[in-house]
Amino acid sequence: MSILASTGLDGVLRFIALLVVFAIVLGVTYFVTRWIGSFQKEKYSKGNIKIIEAKQIGNNKFIYIAKIGNDYFALSSGKENLSLIGKIDEEGITFPDDSNDVVYQPFSSVFEKVRNLKKPKE
């Protein structure tokens, strides 16, 4: 007898069991994904290379400001290449303010903003 052909109490119990298994799989997936993300963040945050800023200037074309060691460089990347534009003095760089950057905001704060936008006006 297949799961879909079950009727009555037996079918309800199988459905509940499937929901529980689905919830467990989602939970495991969530925690494993977070663990892998934190592992990769820790692995790539160490070292001498840090991307300060990136700007898309065309289709598959970007300009990066990167800190390599103690020096700053402007780099350009295309579909299949990476080129050095030149070295930049630290005085010529305006560092982005992390507190206003949407990329660094936690998801919960973004979700609250969206949820508050959809509340009906009284």
C-alpha atoms as a PDB file:
ATOM      1  CA  MET A   1       0.000   0.000   0.000  1.00  0.00           C
ATOM      2  CA  SER A   2       1.436   3.372  -0.933  1.00  0.00           C
ATOM      3  CA  ILE A   3       1.467   6.493   1.215  1.00  0.00           C
ATOM      4  CA  LEU A   4      -1.023   8.203  -1.073  1.00  0.00           C
ATOM      5  CA  ALA A   5      -3.517   5.322  -0.915  1.00  0.00           C
ATOM      6  CA  SER A   6      -3.795   5.348   2.905  1.00  0.00           C
ATOM      7  CA  THR A   7      -7.135   6.370   4.388  1.00  0.00           C
ATOM      8  CA  GLY A   8      -8.508   7.141   7.821  1.00  0.00           C
ATOM      9  CA  LEU A   9      -6.380   7.312  10.941  1.00  0.00           C
ATOM     10  CA  ASP A  10      -3.506   5.452   9.294  1.00  0.00           C
ATOM     11  CA  GLY A  11      -3.290   8.096   6.558  1.00  0.00           C
ATOM     12  CA  VAL A  12      -3.360  10.971   9.061  1.00  0.00           C
ATOM     13  CA  LEU A  13      -0.571   9.382  11.110  1.00  0.00           C
ATOM     14  CA  ARG A  14       1.556   8.877   8.013  1.00  0.00           C
ATOM     15  CA  PHE A  15       0.955  12.482   6.976  1.00  0.00           C
ATOM     16  CA  ILE A  16       2.008  13.753  10.421  1.00  0.00           C
ATOM     17  CA  ALA A  17       5.090  11.502  10.322  1.00  0.00           C
ATOM     18  CA  LEU A  18       6.025  12.943   6.911  1.00  0.00           C
ATOM     19  CA  LEU A  19       5.628  16.495   8.256  1.00  0.00           C
ATOM     20  CA  VAL A  20       7.869  15.680  11.223  1.00  0.00           C
ATOM     21  CA  VAL A  21      10.528  14.144   8.972  1.00  0.00           C
ATOM     22  CA  PHE A  22      10.309  17.179   6.662  1.00  0.00           C
ATOM     23  CA  ALA A  23      10.762  19.554   9.620  1.00  0.00           C
ATOM     24  CA  ILE A  24      13.776  17.563  10.838  1.00  0.00           C
ATOM     25  CA  VAL A  25      15.375  17.654   7.374  1.00  0.00           C
ATOM     26  CA  LEU A  26      14.789  21.419   7.141  1.00  0.00           C
ATOM     27  CA  GLY A  27      16.308  21.943  10.588  1.00  0.00           C
ATOM     28  CA  VAL A  28      19.370  19.854   9.815  1.00  0.00           C
ATOM     29  CA  THR A  29      19.814  21.651   6.497  1.00  0.00           C
ATOM     30  CA  TYR A  30      19.574  25.048   8.194  1.00  0.00           C
ATOM     31  CA  PHE A  31      22.172  24.266  10.853  1.00  0.00           C
ATOM     32  CA  VAL A  32      24.589  22.554   8.445  1.00  0.00           C
ATOM     33  CA  THR A  33      24.367  25.526   6.065  1.00  0.00           C
ATOM     34  CA  ARG A  34      25.098  27.960   8.917  1.00  0.00           C
ATOM     35  CA  TRP A  35      28.017  25.827  10.081  1.00  0.00           C
ATOM     36  CA  ILE A  36      29.538  25.677   6.599  1.00  0.00           C
ATOM     37  CA  GLY A  37      29.027  29.431   6.131  1.00  0.00           C
ATOM     38  CA  SER A  38      30.749  30.294   9.396  1.00  0.00           C
ATOM     39  CA  PHE A  39      33.582  27.879   8.590  1.00  0.00           C
ATOM     40  CA  GLN A  40      34.142  29.497   5.185  1.00  0.00           C
ATOM     41  CA  LYS A  41      33.891  33.011   6.619  1.00  0.00           C
ATOM     42  CA  GLU A  42      36.511  32.172   9.220  1.00  0.00           C
ATOM     43  CA  LYS A  43      38.741  30.524   6.636  1.00  0.00           C
ATOM     44  CA  TYR A  44      38.606  33.398   4.142  1.00  0.00           C
ATOM     45  CA  SER A  45      38.745  36.241   6.676  1.00  0.00           C
ATOM     46  CA  LYS A  46      42.253  35.229   7.666  1.00  0.00           C
ATOM     47  CA  GLY A  47      45.075  36.226   5.403  1.00  0.00           C
ATOM     48  CA  ASN A  48      46.540  39.221   3.654  1.00  0.00           C
ATOM     49  CA  ILE A  49      43.887  39.905   1.005  1.00  0.00           C
ATOM     50  CA  LYS A  50      40.661  41.793   1.675  1.00  0.00           C
ATOM     51  CA  ILE A  51      38.154  43.237  -0.815  1.00  0.00           C
ATOM     52  CA  ILE A  52      37.267  46.736   0.401  1.00  0.00           C
ATOM     53  CA  GLU A  53      34.728  47.616  -2.271  1.00  0.00           C
ATOM     54  CA  ALA A  54      33.388  46.243  -5.554  1.00  0.00           C
ATOM     55  CA  LYS A  55      31.448  48.059  -8.261  1.00  0.00           C
ATOM     56  CA  GLN A  56      29.855  46.569 -11.358  1.00  0.00           C
ATOM     57  CA  ILE A  57      30.617  48.670 -14.425  1.00  0.00           C
ATOM     58  CA  GLY A  58      29.139  46.471 -17.113  1.00  0.00           C
ATOM     59  CA  ASN A  59      27.984  42.988 -17.956  1.00  0.00           C
ATOM     60  CA  ASN A  60      30.430  40.691 -16.084  1.00  0.00           C
ATOM     61  CA  LYS A  61      32.844  43.621 -15.556  1.00  0.00           C
ATOM     62  CA  PHE A  62      33.813  44.836 -12.094  1.00  0.00           C
ATOM     63  CA  ILE A  63      36.242  47.222 -10.435  1.00  0.00           C
ATOM     64  CA  TYR A  64      37.581  46.230  -7.034  1.00  0.00           C
ATOM     65  CA  ILE A  65      39.515  48.047  -4.346  1.00  0.00           C
ATOM     66  CA  ALA A  66      41.554  45.424  -2.550  1.00  0.00           C
ATOM     67  CA  LYS A  67      43.922  45.566   0.386  1.00  0.00           C
ATOM     68  CA  ILE A  68      46.829  43.225  -0.193  1.00  0.00           C
ATOM     69  CA  GLY A  69      49.226  43.273   2.728  1.00  0.00           C
ATOM     70  CA  ASN A  70      49.459  46.929   3.742  1.00  0.00           C
ATOM     71  CA  ASP A  71      48.864  48.363   0.252  1.00  0.00           C
ATOM     72  CA  TYR A  72      45.661  49.191  -1.627  1.00  0.00           C
ATOM     73  CA  PHE A  73      45.133  48.339  -5.291  1.00  0.00           C
ATOM     74  CA  ALA A  74      42.493  48.989  -7.928  1.00  0.00           C
ATOM     75  CA  LEU A  75      41.703  45.842  -9.902  1.00  0.00           C
ATOM     76  CA  SER A  76      39.404  45.193 -12.825  1.00  0.00           C
ATOM     77  CA  SER A  77      37.884  41.878 -13.703  1.00  0.00           C
ATOM     78  CA  GLY A  78      36.155  40.703 -16.808  1.00  0.00           C
ATOM     79  CA  LYS A  79      34.667  37.435 -17.851  1.00  0.00           C
ATOM     80  CA  GLU A  80      38.006  35.650 -18.098  1.00  0.00           C
ATOM     81  CA  ASN A  81      40.668  38.011 -16.765  1.00  0.00           C
ATOM     82  CA  LEU A  82      41.800  40.097 -13.808  1.00  0.00           C
ATOM     83  CA  SER A  83      43.927  43.196 -14.380  1.00  0.00           C
ATOM     84  CA  LEU A  84      45.775  45.583 -12.111  1.00  0.00           C
ATOM     85  CA  ILE A  85      44.698  49.183 -12.700  1.00  0.00           C
ATOM     86  CA  GLY A  86      47.119  50.667 -10.197  1.00  0.00           C
ATOM     87  CA  LYS A  87      48.147  51.249  -6.615  1.00  0.00           C
ATOM     88  CA  ILE A  88      46.035  53.625  -4.499  1.00  0.00           C
ATOM     89  CA  ASP A  89      47.186  55.746  -1.569  1.00  0.00           C
ATOM     90  CA  GLU A  90      45.193  55.120   1.600  1.00  0.00           C
ATOM     91  CA  GLU A  91      44.392  58.833   1.820  1.00  0.00           C
ATOM     92  CA  GLY A  92      42.537  58.592  -1.492  1.00  0.00           C
ATOM     93  CA  ILE A  93      40.102  55.949  -0.257  1.00  0.00           C
ATOM     94  CA  THR A  94      36.773  56.664   1.403  1.00  0.00           C
ATOM     95  CA  PHE A  95      35.878  53.586   3.395  1.00  0.00           C
ATOM     96  CA  PRO A  96      32.228  52.479   3.298  1.00  0.00           C
ATOM     97  CA  ASP A  97      30.228  52.976   6.486  1.00  0.00           C
ATOM     98  CA  ASP A  98      29.224  49.456   7.539  1.00  0.00           C
ATOM     99  CA  SER A  99      26.369  50.621   9.767  1.00  0.00           C
ATOM    100  CA  ASN A 100      24.273  51.888   6.824  1.00  0.00           C
ATOM    101  CA  ASP A 101      25.137  49.120   4.386  1.00  0.00           C
ATOM    102  CA  VAL A 102      22.177  46.830   3.657  1.00  0.00           C
ATOM    103  CA  VAL A 103      24.509  43.900   2.979  1.00  0.00           C
ATOM    104  CA  TYR A 104      25.661  43.843   6.609  1.00  0.00           C
ATOM    105  CA  GLN A 105      22.218  44.153   8.202  1.00  0.00           C
ATOM    106  CA  PRO A 106      20.874  40.997   9.811  1.00  0.00           C
ATOM    107  CA  PHE A 107      17.964  39.372   8.029  1.00  0.00           C
ATOM    108  CA  SER A 108      15.661  39.887  11.000  1.00  0.00           C
ATOM    109  CA  SER A 109      15.958  43.688  10.771  1.00  0.00           C
ATOM    110  CA  VAL A 110      15.284  43.662   7.029  1.00  0.00           C
ATOM    111  CA  PHE A 111      12.313  41.336   7.562  1.00  0.00           C
ATOM    112  CA  GLU A 112      10.864  43.661  10.223  1.00  0.00           C
ATOM    113  CA  LYS A 113      11.119  46.623   7.844  1.00  0.00           C
ATOM    114  CA  VAL A 114       9.280  44.725   5.111  1.00  0.00           C
ATOM    115  CA  ARG A 115       6.652  43.432   7.528  1.00  0.00           C
ATOM    116  CA  ASN A 116       6.003  46.943   8.841  1.00  0.00           C
ATOM    117  CA  LEU A 117       5.532  48.227   5.282  1.00  0.00           C
ATOM    118  CA  LYS A 118       2.716  45.735   4.650  1.00  0.00           C
ATOM    119  CA  LYS A 119       0.707  46.497   7.790  1.00  0.00           C
ATOM    120  CA  PRO A 120      -2.731  47.891   6.941  1.00  0.00           C
ATOM    121  CA  LYS A 121      -3.193  51.552   7.810  1.00  0.00           C
ATOM    122  CA  GLU A 122      -5.822  52.225  10.435  1.00  0.00           C
END
